[in-house]
């Protein structure tokens, strides 16, 4: 019988300082539900950033929205962890987008590797 190794259901997202020391780690649950939340949050973040730019909305509104988006995708308290190491909404939004791109890239690479293995061996 063919042996199938289970895949890890969590992606680890380490945040490193300039010296390469991990100062914080977030985790992304790869369930279908979490992927859907990520997609919805990306669209909401893109829409909200455009709204905030056009109406010049206040800092509190931006912070509240960003906190909700990040905590929804990465778990309660995730925003606070990031804000404690980088107290800037703009920087945290960059982190969010980098995490989203990284998650998609990781999943695509994994699927490509599985396809290669299937055909090569």
PDB file of N, CA and C in Angstrom:
ATOM      1  N   UNK A   1       0.838  -1.179   0.000  1.00  0.00           N
ATOM      2  CA  UNK A   1       0.000   0.000   0.000  1.00  0.00           C
ATOM      3  C   UNK A   1       0.887   1.248   0.000  1.00  0.00           C
ATOM      4  N   UNK A   2       0.455   2.271  -0.681  1.00  0.00           N
ATOM      5  CA  UNK A   2       1.185   3.525  -0.781  1.00  0.00           C
ATOM      6  C   UNK A   2       1.086   4.292   0.535  1.00  0.00           C
ATOM      7  N   UNK A   3       2.218   4.749   1.004  1.00  0.00           N
ATOM      8  CA  UNK A   3       2.255   5.537   2.235  1.00  0.00           C
ATOM      9  C   UNK A   3       2.089   7.017   1.877  1.00  0.00           C
ATOM     10  N   UNK A   4       1.207   7.704   2.592  1.00  0.00           N
ATOM     11  CA  UNK A   4       0.962   9.125   2.353  1.00  0.00           C
ATOM     12  C   UNK A   4       1.281   9.888   3.633  1.00  0.00           C
ATOM     13  N   UNK A   5       2.253  10.774   3.526  1.00  0.00           N
ATOM     14  CA  UNK A   5       2.607  11.607   4.676  1.00  0.00           C
ATOM     15  C   UNK A   5       1.616  12.754   4.785  1.00  0.00           C
ATOM     16  N   UNK A   6       1.123  12.990   5.985  1.00  0.00           N
ATOM     17  CA  UNK A   6       0.202  14.096   6.210  1.00  0.00           C
ATOM     18  C   UNK A   6       0.952  15.420   6.115  1.00  0.00           C
ATOM     19  N   UNK A   7       0.305  16.389   5.520  1.00  0.00           N
ATOM     20  CA  UNK A   7       0.891  17.716   5.419  1.00  0.00           C
ATOM     21  C   UNK A   7       0.556  18.514   6.669  1.00  0.00           C
ATOM     22  N   UNK A   8       1.461  19.375   7.052  1.00  0.00           N
ATOM     23  CA  UNK A   8       1.214  20.250   8.188  1.00  0.00           C
ATOM     24  C   UNK A   8       0.096  21.220   7.816  1.00  0.00           C
ATOM     25  N   UNK A   9      -0.847  21.412   8.710  1.00  0.00           N
ATOM     26  CA  UNK A   9      -1.983  22.277   8.403  1.00  0.00           C
ATOM     27  C   UNK A   9      -1.727  23.731   8.771  1.00  0.00           C
ATOM     28  N   UNK A  10      -0.555  24.004   9.353  1.00  0.00           N
ATOM     29  CA  UNK A  10      -0.234  25.380   9.724  1.00  0.00           C
ATOM     30  C   UNK A  10       1.015  25.850   8.990  1.00  0.00           C
ATOM     31  N   UNK A  11       0.964  27.068   8.542  1.00  0.00           N
ATOM     32  CA  UNK A  11       2.150  27.704   7.988  1.00  0.00           C
ATOM     33  C   UNK A  11       2.707  28.627   9.061  1.00  0.00           C
ATOM     34  N   UNK A  12       3.987  28.525   9.284  1.00  0.00           N
ATOM     35  CA  UNK A  12       4.660  29.374  10.267  1.00  0.00           C
ATOM     36  C   UNK A  12       5.175  30.623   9.554  1.00  0.00           C
ATOM     37  N   UNK A  13       4.903  31.787  10.154  1.00  0.00           N
ATOM     38  CA  UNK A  13       5.338  33.042   9.563  1.00  0.00           C
ATOM     39  C   UNK A  13       6.210  33.771  10.585  1.00  0.00           C
ATOM     40  N   UNK A  14       7.520  33.591  10.475  1.00  0.00           N
ATOM     41  CA  UNK A  14       8.422  34.251  11.435  1.00  0.00           C
ATOM     42  C   UNK A  14       8.723  35.698  11.020  1.00  0.00           C
ATOM     43  N   UNK A  15       8.820  36.575  12.009  1.00  0.00           N
ATOM     44  CA  UNK A  15       9.216  37.963  11.801  1.00  0.00           C
ATOM     45  C   UNK A  15      10.600  38.126  12.408  1.00  0.00           C
ATOM     46  N   UNK A  16      11.551  38.557  11.588  1.00  0.00           N
ATOM     47  CA  UNK A  16      12.945  38.634  12.022  1.00  0.00           C
ATOM     48  C   UNK A  16      13.430  40.079  12.058  1.00  0.00           C
ATOM     49  N   UNK A  17      14.348  40.334  12.990  1.00  0.00           N
ATOM     50  CA  UNK A  17      14.986  41.641  13.017  1.00  0.00           C
ATOM     51  C   UNK A  17      16.127  41.649  11.993  1.00  0.00           C
ATOM     52  N   UNK A  18      16.854  42.750  11.915  1.00  0.00           N
ATOM     53  CA  UNK A  18      17.913  42.887  10.907  1.00  0.00           C
ATOM     54  C   UNK A  18      19.048  41.881  11.081  1.00  0.00           C
ATOM     55  N   UNK A  19      19.211  41.380  12.297  1.00  0.00           N
ATOM     56  CA  UNK A  19      20.257  40.383  12.554  1.00  0.00           C
ATOM     57  C   UNK A  19      19.787  38.961  12.285  1.00  0.00           C
ATOM     58  N   UNK A  20      18.537  38.805  11.892  1.00  0.00           N
ATOM     59  CA  UNK A  20      18.016  37.475  11.597  1.00  0.00           C
ATOM     60  C   UNK A  20      17.405  36.758  12.791  1.00  0.00           C
ATOM     61  N   UNK A  21      17.273  37.457  13.918  1.00  0.00           N
ATOM     62  CA  UNK A  21      16.655  36.863  15.103  1.00  0.00           C
ATOM     63  C   UNK A  21      15.137  36.931  14.989  1.00  0.00           C
ATOM     64  N   UNK A  22      14.471  35.817  15.231  1.00  0.00           N
ATOM     65  CA  UNK A  22      13.008  35.792  15.182  1.00  0.00           C
ATOM     66  C   UNK A  22      12.478  36.501  16.421  1.00  0.00           C
ATOM     67  N   UNK A  23      11.705  37.571  16.192  1.00  0.00           N
ATOM     68  CA  UNK A  23      11.153  38.333  17.317  1.00  0.00           C
ATOM     69  C   UNK A  23       9.675  38.025  17.556  1.00  0.00           C
ATOM     70  N   UNK A  24       9.027  37.464  16.538  1.00  0.00           N
ATOM     71  CA  UNK A  24       7.621  37.079  16.677  1.00  0.00           C
ATOM     72  C   UNK A  24       7.304  36.071  15.589  1.00  0.00           C
ATOM     73  N   UNK A  25       6.349  35.204  15.870  1.00  0.00           N
ATOM     74  CA  UNK A  25       5.913  34.219  14.884  1.00  0.00           C
ATOM     75  C   UNK A  25       4.394  34.168  14.882  1.00  0.00           C
ATOM     76  N   UNK A  26       3.811  34.277  13.701  1.00  0.00           N
ATOM     77  CA  UNK A  26       2.376  34.083  13.536  1.00  0.00           C
ATOM     78  C   UNK A  26       2.176  32.771  12.782  1.00  0.00           C
ATOM     79  N   UNK A  27       0.983  32.248  12.870  1.00  0.00           N
ATOM     80  CA  UNK A  27       0.658  30.995  12.199  1.00  0.00           C
ATOM     81  C   UNK A  27      -0.596  31.174  11.373  1.00  0.00           C
ATOM     82  N   UNK A  28      -0.607  30.515  10.218  1.00  0.00           N
ATOM     83  CA  UNK A  28      -1.786  30.531   9.363  1.00  0.00           C
ATOM     84  C   UNK A  28      -2.303  29.113   9.231  1.00  0.00           C
ATOM     85  N   UNK A  29      -3.562  28.913   9.590  1.00  0.00           N
ATOM     86  CA  UNK A  29      -4.224  27.617   9.451  1.00  0.00           C
ATOM     87  C   UNK A  29      -4.662  27.473   8.000  1.00  0.00           C
ATOM     88  N   UNK A  30      -4.221  26.400   7.351  1.00  0.00           N
ATOM     89  CA  UNK A  30      -4.467  26.223   5.921  1.00  0.00           C
ATOM     90  C   UNK A  30      -5.820  25.614   5.582  1.00  0.00           C
ATOM     91  N   UNK A  31      -6.753  25.678   6.474  1.00  0.00           N
ATOM     92  CA  UNK A  31      -8.072  25.113   6.183  1.00  0.00           C
ATOM     93  C   UNK A  31      -8.752  25.923   5.078  1.00  0.00           C
ATOM     94  N   UNK A  32      -9.735  25.320   4.441  1.00  0.00           N
ATOM     95  CA  UNK A  32     -10.485  26.017   3.393  1.00  0.00           C
ATOM     96  C   UNK A  32     -11.115  27.294   3.956  1.00  0.00           C
ATOM     97  N   UNK A  33     -11.636  27.191   5.165  1.00  0.00           N
ATOM     98  CA  UNK A  33     -12.275  28.347   5.801  1.00  0.00           C
ATOM     99  C   UNK A  33     -11.272  29.499   5.977  1.00  0.00           C
ATOM    100  N   UNK A  34     -10.064  29.182   6.418  1.00  0.00           N
ATOM    101  CA  UNK A  34      -9.048  30.221   6.611  1.00  0.00           C
ATOM    102  C   UNK A  34      -8.614  30.835   5.291  1.00  0.00           C
ATOM    103  N   UNK A  35      -8.504  30.019   4.248  1.00  0.00           N
ATOM    104  CA  UNK A  35      -8.151  30.552   2.933  1.00  0.00           C
ATOM    105  C   UNK A  35      -9.233  31.494   2.419  1.00  0.00           C
ATOM    106  N   UNK A  36     -10.496  31.153   2.672  1.00  0.00           N
ATOM    107  CA  UNK A  36     -11.599  32.033   2.278  1.00  0.00           C
ATOM    108  C   UNK A  36     -11.556  33.339   3.063  1.00  0.00           C
ATOM    109  N   UNK A  37     -11.259  33.247   4.367  1.00  0.00           N
ATOM    110  CA  UNK A  37     -11.139  34.461   5.187  1.00  0.00           C
ATOM    111  C   UNK A  37     -10.010  35.342   4.663  1.00  0.00           C
ATOM    112  N   UNK A  38      -8.907  34.714   4.276  1.00  0.00           N
ATOM    113  CA  UNK A  38      -7.773  35.469   3.747  1.00  0.00           C
ATOM    114  C   UNK A  38      -8.178  36.208   2.479  1.00  0.00           C
ATOM    115  N   UNK A  39      -8.834  35.517   1.565  1.00  0.00           N
ATOM    116  CA  UNK A  39      -9.258  36.144   0.309  1.00  0.00           C
ATOM    117  C   UNK A  39     -10.201  37.311   0.572  1.00  0.00           C
ATOM    118  N   UNK A  40     -11.168  37.113   1.460  1.00  0.00           N
ATOM    119  CA  UNK A  40     -12.109  38.190   1.789  1.00  0.00           C
ATOM    120  C   UNK A  40     -11.384  39.361   2.433  1.00  0.00           C
ATOM    121  N   UNK A  41     -10.440  39.074   3.310  1.00  0.00           N
ATOM    122  CA  UNK A  41      -9.701  40.138   3.987  1.00  0.00           C
ATOM    123  C   UNK A  41      -8.832  40.923   3.011  1.00  0.00           C
ATOM    124  N   UNK A  42      -8.216  40.237   2.067  1.00  0.00           N
ATOM    125  CA  UNK A  42      -7.389  40.931   1.063  1.00  0.00           C
ATOM    126  C   UNK A  42      -8.250  41.910   0.283  1.00  0.00           C
ATOM    127  N   UNK A  43      -9.403  41.446  -0.169  1.00  0.00           N
ATOM    128  CA  UNK A  43     -10.299  42.327  -0.933  1.00  0.00           C
ATOM    129  C   UNK A  43     -10.775  43.493  -0.077  1.00  0.00           C
ATOM    130  N   UNK A  44     -11.118  43.216   1.170  1.00  0.00           N
ATOM    131  CA  UNK A  44     -11.588  44.266   2.072  1.00  0.00           C
ATOM    132  C   UNK A  44     -10.483  45.279   2.358  1.00  0.00           C
ATOM    133  N   UNK A  45      -9.255  44.795   2.551  1.00  0.00           N
ATOM    134  CA  UNK A  45      -8.127  45.691   2.825  1.00  0.00           C
ATOM    135  C   UNK A  45      -7.870  46.589   1.618  1.00  0.00           C
ATOM    136  N   UNK A  46      -7.889  46.008   0.425  1.00  0.00           N
ATOM    137  CA  UNK A  46      -7.672  46.814  -0.777  1.00  0.00           C
ATOM    138  C   UNK A  46      -8.749  47.887  -0.915  1.00  0.00           C
ATOM    139  N   UNK A  47      -9.991  47.503  -0.702  1.00  0.00           N
ATOM    140  CA  UNK A  47     -11.106  48.445  -0.814  1.00  0.00           C
ATOM    141  C   UNK A  47     -11.012  49.530   0.260  1.00  0.00           C
ATOM    142  N   UNK A  48     -10.743  49.116   1.488  1.00  0.00           N
ATOM    143  CA  UNK A  48     -10.688  50.059   2.603  1.00  0.00           C
ATOM    144  C   UNK A  48      -9.523  51.030   2.435  1.00  0.00           C
ATOM    145  N   UNK A  49      -8.366  50.554   1.953  1.00  0.00           N
ATOM    146  CA  UNK A  49      -7.248  51.482   1.791  1.00  0.00           C
ATOM    147  C   UNK A  49      -7.566  52.560   0.769  1.00  0.00           C
ATOM    148  N   UNK A  50      -8.273  52.183  -0.281  1.00  0.00           N
ATOM    149  CA  UNK A  50      -8.669  53.188  -1.279  1.00  0.00           C
ATOM    150  C   UNK A  50      -9.642  54.191  -0.666  1.00  0.00           C
ATOM    151  N   UNK A  51     -10.591  53.696   0.123  1.00  0.00           N
ATOM    152  CA  UNK A  51     -11.552  54.582   0.789  1.00  0.00           C
ATOM    153  C   UNK A  51     -10.837  55.531   1.744  1.00  0.00           C
ATOM    154  N   UNK A  52      -9.923  54.993   2.516  1.00  0.00           N
ATOM    155  CA  UNK A  52      -9.214  55.806   3.498  1.00  0.00           C
ATOM    156  C   UNK A  52      -8.372  56.878   2.818  1.00  0.00           C
ATOM    157  N   UNK A  53      -7.779  56.536   1.690  1.00  0.00           N
ATOM    158  CA  UNK A  53      -6.988  57.519   0.947  1.00  0.00           C
ATOM    159  C   UNK A  53      -7.876  58.639   0.423  1.00  0.00           C
ATOM    160  N   UNK A  54      -9.043  58.281  -0.110  1.00  0.00           N
ATOM    161  CA  UNK A  54      -9.894  59.283  -0.746  1.00  0.00           C
ATOM    162  C   UNK A  54     -10.597  60.187   0.267  1.00  0.00           C
ATOM    163  N   UNK A  55     -10.975  59.642   1.415  1.00  0.00           N
ATOM    164  CA  UNK A  55     -11.689  60.484   2.378  1.00  0.00           C
ATOM    165  C   UNK A  55     -10.801  60.974   3.512  1.00  0.00           C
ATOM    166  N   UNK A  56      -9.556  60.520   3.515  1.00  0.00           N
ATOM    167  CA  UNK A  56      -8.635  60.948   4.561  1.00  0.00           C
ATOM    168  C   UNK A  56      -9.113  60.554   5.950  1.00  0.00           C
ATOM    169  N   UNK A  57      -9.622  59.356   6.071  1.00  0.00           N
ATOM    170  CA  UNK A  57     -10.162  58.873   7.339  1.00  0.00           C
ATOM    171  C   UNK A  57      -9.098  58.844   8.421  1.00  0.00           C
ATOM    172  N   UNK A  58      -9.556  58.874   9.642  1.00  0.00           N
ATOM    173  CA  UNK A  58      -8.660  58.975  10.780  1.00  0.00           C
ATOM    174  C   UNK A  58      -7.889  57.715  11.113  1.00  0.00           C
ATOM    175  N   UNK A  59      -6.890  57.917  11.932  1.00  0.00           N
ATOM    176  CA  UNK A  59      -5.991  56.855  12.377  1.00  0.00           C
ATOM    177  C   UNK A  59      -6.747  55.750  13.100  1.00  0.00           C
ATOM    178  N   UNK A  60      -7.670  56.099  13.975  1.00  0.00           N
ATOM    179  CA  UNK A  60      -8.406  55.099  14.762  1.00  0.00           C
ATOM    180  C   UNK A  60      -9.183  54.161  13.853  1.00  0.00           C
ATOM    181  N   UNK A  61      -9.803  54.703  12.830  1.00  0.00           N
ATOM    182  CA  UNK A  61     -10.567  53.887  11.877  1.00  0.00           C
ATOM    183  C   UNK A  61      -9.635  52.911  11.155  1.00  0.00           C
ATOM    184  N   UNK A  62      -8.478  53.404  10.740  1.00  0.00           N
ATOM    185  CA  UNK A  62      -7.499  52.556  10.052  1.00  0.00           C
ATOM    186  C   UNK A  62      -6.997  51.454  10.973  1.00  0.00           C
ATOM    187  N   UNK A  63      -6.685  51.828  12.201  1.00  0.00           N
ATOM    188  CA  UNK A  63      -6.163  50.852  13.155  1.00  0.00           C
ATOM    189  C   UNK A  63      -7.205  49.778  13.449  1.00  0.00           C
ATOM    190  N   UNK A  64      -8.433  50.197  13.669  1.00  0.00           N
ATOM    191  CA  UNK A  64      -9.515  49.257  13.979  1.00  0.00           C
ATOM    192  C   UNK A  64      -9.740  48.278  12.829  1.00  0.00           C
ATOM    193  N   UNK A  65      -9.770  48.797  11.622  1.00  0.00           N
ATOM    194  CA  UNK A  65      -9.990  47.952  10.451  1.00  0.00           C
ATOM    195  C   UNK A  65      -8.841  46.961  10.265  1.00  0.00           C
ATOM    196  N   UNK A  66      -7.616  47.455  10.396  1.00  0.00           N
ATOM    197  CA  UNK A  66      -6.430  46.606  10.216  1.00  0.00           C
ATOM    198  C   UNK A  66      -6.396  45.511  11.266  1.00  0.00           C
ATOM    199  N   UNK A  67      -6.706  45.864  12.499  1.00  0.00           N
ATOM    200  CA  UNK A  67      -6.736  44.890  13.593  1.00  0.00           C
ATOM    201  C   UNK A  67      -7.754  43.784  13.293  1.00  0.00           C
ATOM    202  N   UNK A  68      -8.928  44.174  12.853  1.00  0.00           N
ATOM    203  CA  UNK A  68      -9.970  43.188  12.551  1.00  0.00           C
ATOM    204  C   UNK A  68      -9.532  42.245  11.425  1.00  0.00           C
ATOM    205  N   UNK A  69      -8.939  42.806  10.372  1.00  0.00           N
ATOM    206  CA  UNK A  69      -8.512  41.984   9.228  1.00  0.00           C
ATOM    207  C   UNK A  69      -7.442  40.975   9.645  1.00  0.00           C
ATOM    208  N   UNK A  70      -6.449  41.429  10.392  1.00  0.00           N
ATOM    209  CA  UNK A  70      -5.337  40.543  10.771  1.00  0.00           C
ATOM    210  C   UNK A  70      -5.783  39.503  11.796  1.00  0.00           C
ATOM    211  N   UNK A  71      -6.547  39.922  12.798  1.00  0.00           N
ATOM    212  CA  UNK A  71      -7.011  38.973  13.816  1.00  0.00           C
ATOM    213  C   UNK A  71      -7.963  37.928  13.224  1.00  0.00           C
ATOM    214  N   UNK A  72      -8.747  38.316  12.224  1.00  0.00           N
ATOM    215  CA  UNK A  72      -9.661  37.366  11.583  1.00  0.00           C
ATOM    216  C   UNK A  72      -8.898  36.258  10.875  1.00  0.00           C
ATOM    217  N   UNK A  73      -7.811  36.613  10.218  1.00  0.00           N
ATOM    218  CA  UNK A  73      -7.050  35.645   9.420  1.00  0.00           C
ATOM    219  C   UNK A  73      -6.029  34.873  10.255  1.00  0.00           C
ATOM    220  N   UNK A  74      -5.344  35.561  11.159  1.00  0.00           N
ATOM    221  CA  UNK A  74      -4.226  34.943  11.869  1.00  0.00           C
ATOM    222  C   UNK A  74      -4.501  34.652  13.344  1.00  0.00           C
ATOM    223  N   UNK A  75      -5.691  34.953  13.803  1.00  0.00           N
ATOM    224  CA  UNK A  75      -6.063  34.645  15.183  1.00  0.00           C
ATOM    225  C   UNK A  75      -6.046  35.872  16.083  1.00  0.00           C
ATOM    226  N   UNK A  76      -6.897  35.830  17.099  1.00  0.00           N
ATOM    227  CA  UNK A  76      -6.993  36.930  18.045  1.00  0.00           C
ATOM    228  C   UNK A  76      -5.640  37.243  18.657  1.00  0.00           C
ATOM    229  N   UNK A  77      -5.340  38.512  18.760  1.00  0.00           N
ATOM    230  CA  UNK A  77      -4.083  38.954  19.356  1.00  0.00           C
ATOM    231  C   UNK A  77      -2.946  39.108  18.364  1.00  0.00           C
ATOM    232  N   UNK A  78      -3.128  38.648  17.125  1.00  0.00           N
ATOM    233  CA  UNK A  78      -2.060  38.725  16.130  1.00  0.00           C
ATOM    234  C   UNK A  78      -1.690  40.171  15.800  1.00  0.00           C
ATOM    235  N   UNK A  79      -2.711  41.018  15.665  1.00  0.00           N
ATOM    236  CA  UNK A  79      -2.434  42.423  15.386  1.00  0.00           C
ATOM    237  C   UNK A  79      -1.614  43.045  16.512  1.00  0.00           C
ATOM    238  N   UNK A  80      -2.005  42.785  17.738  1.00  0.00           N
ATOM    239  CA  UNK A  80      -1.296  43.360  18.889  1.00  0.00           C
ATOM    240  C   UNK A  80       0.162  42.912  18.933  1.00  0.00           C
ATOM    241  N   UNK A  81       0.414  41.660  18.565  1.00  0.00           N
ATOM    242  CA  UNK A  81       1.798  41.157  18.520  1.00  0.00           C
ATOM    243  C   UNK A  81       2.618  41.954  17.510  1.00  0.00           C
ATOM    244  N   UNK A  82       2.035  42.165  16.330  1.00  0.00           N
ATOM    245  CA  UNK A  82       2.749  42.916  15.294  1.00  0.00           C
ATOM    246  C   UNK A  82       2.912  44.377  15.683  1.00  0.00           C
ATOM    247  N   UNK A  83       1.868  44.953  16.255  1.00  0.00           N
ATOM    248  CA  UNK A  83       1.908  46.367  16.629  1.00  0.00           C
ATOM    249  C   UNK A  83       2.935  46.612  17.742  1.00  0.00           C
ATOM    250  N   UNK A  84       3.158  45.605  18.580  1.00  0.00           N
ATOM    251  CA  UNK A  84       4.139  45.772  19.654  1.00  0.00           C
ATOM    252  C   UNK A  84       5.575  45.817  19.113  1.00  0.00           C
ATOM    253  N   UNK A  85       5.821  45.190  17.961  1.00  0.00           N
ATOM    254  CA  UNK A  85       7.171  45.225  17.392  1.00  0.00           C
ATOM    255  C   UNK A  85       7.321  46.298  16.308  1.00  0.00           C
ATOM    256  N   UNK A  86       6.211  46.687  15.702  1.00  0.00           N
ATOM    257  CA  UNK A  86       6.216  47.740  14.679  1.00  0.00           C
ATOM    258  C   UNK A  86       4.964  48.591  14.862  1.00  0.00           C
ATOM    259  N   UNK A  87       5.028  49.622  15.697  1.00  0.00           N
ATOM    260  CA  UNK A  87       3.832  50.420  16.001  1.00  0.00           C
ATOM    261  C   UNK A  87       3.462  51.406  14.886  1.00  0.00           C
ATOM    262  N   UNK A  88       3.144  50.854  13.724  1.00  0.00           N
ATOM    263  CA  UNK A  88       2.762  51.659  12.569  1.00  0.00           C
ATOM    264  C   UNK A  88       1.730  50.888  11.750  1.00  0.00           C
ATOM    265  N   UNK A  89       0.571  51.492  11.553  1.00  0.00           N
ATOM    266  CA  UNK A  89      -0.486  50.856  10.755  1.00  0.00           C
ATOM    267  C   UNK A  89       0.009  50.611   9.329  1.00  0.00           C
ATOM    268  N   UNK A  90       0.720  51.581   8.765  1.00  0.00           N
ATOM    269  CA  UNK A  90       1.214  51.412   7.393  1.00  0.00           C
ATOM    270  C   UNK A  90       2.153  50.216   7.283  1.00  0.00           C
ATOM    271  N   UNK A  91       3.044  50.057   8.233  1.00  0.00           N
ATOM    272  CA  UNK A  91       3.979  48.932   8.204  1.00  0.00           C
ATOM    273  C   UNK A  91       3.225  47.616   8.376  1.00  0.00           C
ATOM    274  N   UNK A  92       2.255  47.600   9.263  1.00  0.00           N
ATOM    275  CA  UNK A  92       1.489  46.374   9.495  1.00  0.00           C
ATOM    276  C   UNK A  92       0.675  46.001   8.259  1.00  0.00           C
ATOM    277  N   UNK A  93       0.189  46.988   7.533  1.00  0.00           N
ATOM    278  CA  UNK A  93      -0.524  46.690   6.278  1.00  0.00           C
ATOM    279  C   UNK A  93       0.436  46.063   5.267  1.00  0.00           C
ATOM    280  N   UNK A  94       1.677  46.534   5.237  1.00  0.00           N
ATOM    281  CA  UNK A  94       2.684  45.930   4.360  1.00  0.00           C
ATOM    282  C   UNK A  94       2.920  44.480   4.785  1.00  0.00           C
ATOM    283  N   UNK A  95       3.040  44.254   6.101  1.00  0.00           N
ATOM    284  CA  UNK A  95       3.207  42.882   6.604  1.00  0.00           C
ATOM    285  C   UNK A  95       2.046  42.003   6.145  1.00  0.00           C
ATOM    286  N   UNK A  96       0.829  42.517   6.295  1.00  0.00           N
ATOM    287  CA  UNK A  96      -0.363  41.735   5.932  1.00  0.00           C
ATOM    288  C   UNK A  96      -0.297  41.321   4.468  1.00  0.00           C
ATOM    289  N   UNK A  97       0.002  42.267   3.604  1.00  0.00           N
ATOM    290  CA  UNK A  97       0.056  41.949   2.175  1.00  0.00           C
ATOM    291  C   UNK A  97       1.189  40.985   1.857  1.00  0.00           C
ATOM    292  N   UNK A  98       2.343  41.161   2.506  1.00  0.00           N
ATOM    293  CA  UNK A  98       3.457  40.225   2.297  1.00  0.00           C
ATOM    294  C   UNK A  98       3.086  38.820   2.782  1.00  0.00           C
ATOM    295  N   UNK A  99       2.379  38.744   3.905  1.00  0.00           N
ATOM    296  CA  UNK A  99       1.955  37.428   4.412  1.00  0.00           C
ATOM    297  C   UNK A  99       0.994  36.778   3.429  1.00  0.00           C
ATOM    298  N   UNK A 100       0.051  37.549   2.910  1.00  0.00           N
ATOM    299  CA  UNK A 100      -0.929  37.006   1.966  1.00  0.00           C
ATOM    300  C   UNK A 100      -0.241  36.469   0.717  1.00  0.00           C
ATOM    301  N   UNK A 101       0.683  37.250   0.167  1.00  0.00           N
ATOM    302  CA  UNK A 101       1.421  36.816  -1.024  1.00  0.00           C
ATOM    303  C   UNK A 101       2.254  35.571  -0.697  1.00  0.00           C
ATOM    304  N   UNK A 102       2.912  35.584   0.456  1.00  0.00           N
ATOM    305  CA  UNK A 102       3.737  34.447   0.864  1.00  0.00           C
ATOM    306  C   UNK A 102       2.943  33.166   1.043  1.00  0.00           C
ATOM    307  N   UNK A 103       1.762  33.282   1.615  1.00  0.00           N
ATOM    308  CA  UNK A 103       0.894  32.110   1.811  1.00  0.00           C
ATOM    309  C   UNK A 103       0.504  31.524   0.460  1.00  0.00           C
ATOM    310  N   UNK A 104       0.077  32.375  -0.444  1.00  0.00           N
ATOM    311  CA  UNK A 104      -0.301  31.894  -1.781  1.00  0.00           C
ATOM    312  C   UNK A 104       0.879  31.229  -2.477  1.00  0.00           C
ATOM    313  N   UNK A 105       2.034  31.851  -2.385  1.00  0.00           N
ATOM    314  CA  UNK A 105       3.234  31.312  -3.031  1.00  0.00           C
ATOM    315  C   UNK A 105       3.599  29.948  -2.437  1.00  0.00           C
ATOM    316  N   UNK A 106       3.560  29.842  -1.115  1.00  0.00           N
ATOM    317  CA  UNK A 106       3.889  28.585  -0.429  1.00  0.00           C
ATOM    318  C   UNK A 106       2.955  27.457  -0.874  1.00  0.00           C
ATOM    319  N   UNK A 107       1.682  27.739  -0.935  1.00  0.00           N
ATOM    320  CA  UNK A 107       0.703  26.723  -1.322  1.00  0.00           C
ATOM    321  C   UNK A 107       0.891  26.323  -2.784  1.00  0.00           C
ATOM    322  N   UNK A 108       1.129  27.306  -3.659  1.00  0.00           N
ATOM    323  CA  UNK A 108       1.350  26.997  -5.074  1.00  0.00           C
ATOM    324  C   UNK A 108       2.608  26.148  -5.267  1.00  0.00           C
ATOM    325  N   UNK A 109       3.683  26.501  -4.560  1.00  0.00           N
ATOM    326  CA  UNK A 109       4.932  25.737  -4.678  1.00  0.00           C
ATOM    327  C   UNK A 109       4.736  24.306  -4.199  1.00  0.00           C
ATOM    328  N   UNK A 110       4.021  24.158  -3.114  1.00  0.00           N
ATOM    329  CA  UNK A 110       3.779  22.821  -2.573  1.00  0.00           C
ATOM    330  C   UNK A 110       2.980  21.977  -3.559  1.00  0.00           C
ATOM    331  N   UNK A 111       1.973  22.584  -4.171  1.00  0.00           N
ATOM    332  CA  UNK A 111       1.160  21.856  -5.141  1.00  0.00           C
ATOM    333  C   UNK A 111       1.987  21.483  -6.367  1.00  0.00           C
ATOM    334  N   UNK A 112       2.887  22.369  -6.780  1.00  0.00           N
ATOM    335  CA  UNK A 112       3.756  22.074  -7.929  1.00  0.00           C
ATOM    336  C   UNK A 112       4.702  20.925  -7.604  1.00  0.00           C
ATOM    337  N   UNK A 113       5.262  20.938  -6.398  1.00  0.00           N
ATOM    338  CA  UNK A 113       6.157  19.850  -5.985  1.00  0.00           C
ATOM    339  C   UNK A 113       5.420  18.513  -5.966  1.00  0.00           C
ATOM    340  N   UNK A 114       4.182  18.520  -5.480  1.00  0.00           N
ATOM    341  CA  UNK A 114       3.397  17.283  -5.435  1.00  0.00           C
ATOM    342  C   UNK A 114       3.140  16.765  -6.856  1.00  0.00           C
ATOM    343  N   UNK A 115       2.856  17.657  -7.791  1.00  0.00           N
ATOM    344  CA  UNK A 115       2.629  17.255  -9.173  1.00  0.00           C
ATOM    345  C   UNK A 115       3.894  16.659  -9.778  1.00  0.00           C
ATOM    346  N   UNK A 116       5.039  17.298  -9.519  1.00  0.00           N
ATOM    347  CA  UNK A 116       6.307  16.779 -10.026  1.00  0.00           C
ATOM    348  C   UNK A 116       6.577  15.379  -9.495  1.00  0.00           C
ATOM    349  N   UNK A 117       6.407  15.199  -8.200  1.00  0.00           N
ATOM    350  CA  UNK A 117       6.630  13.892  -7.590  1.00  0.00           C
ATOM    351  C   UNK A 117       5.722  12.843  -8.196  1.00  0.00           C
ATOM    352  N   UNK A 118       4.493  13.241  -8.471  1.00  0.00           N
ATOM    353  CA  UNK A 118       3.511  12.314  -9.033  1.00  0.00           C
ATOM    354  C   UNK A 118       3.990  11.802 -10.397  1.00  0.00           C
ATOM    355  N   UNK A 119       4.520  12.705 -11.210  1.00  0.00           N
ATOM    356  CA  UNK A 119       4.914  12.325 -12.564  1.00  0.00           C
ATOM    357  C   UNK A 119       6.328  11.770 -12.654  1.00  0.00           C
ATOM    358  N   UNK A 120       7.193  12.135 -11.718  1.00  0.00           N
ATOM    359  CA  UNK A 120       8.571  11.687 -11.789  1.00  0.00           C
ATOM    360  C   UNK A 120       8.873  10.458 -10.939  1.00  0.00           C
ATOM    361  N   UNK A 121       8.013  10.188 -10.030  1.00  0.00           N
ATOM    362  CA  UNK A 121       8.442   9.057  -9.241  1.00  0.00           C
ATOM    363  C   UNK A 121       7.461   8.591  -8.286  1.00  0.00           C
TER     364      UNK A 121
END
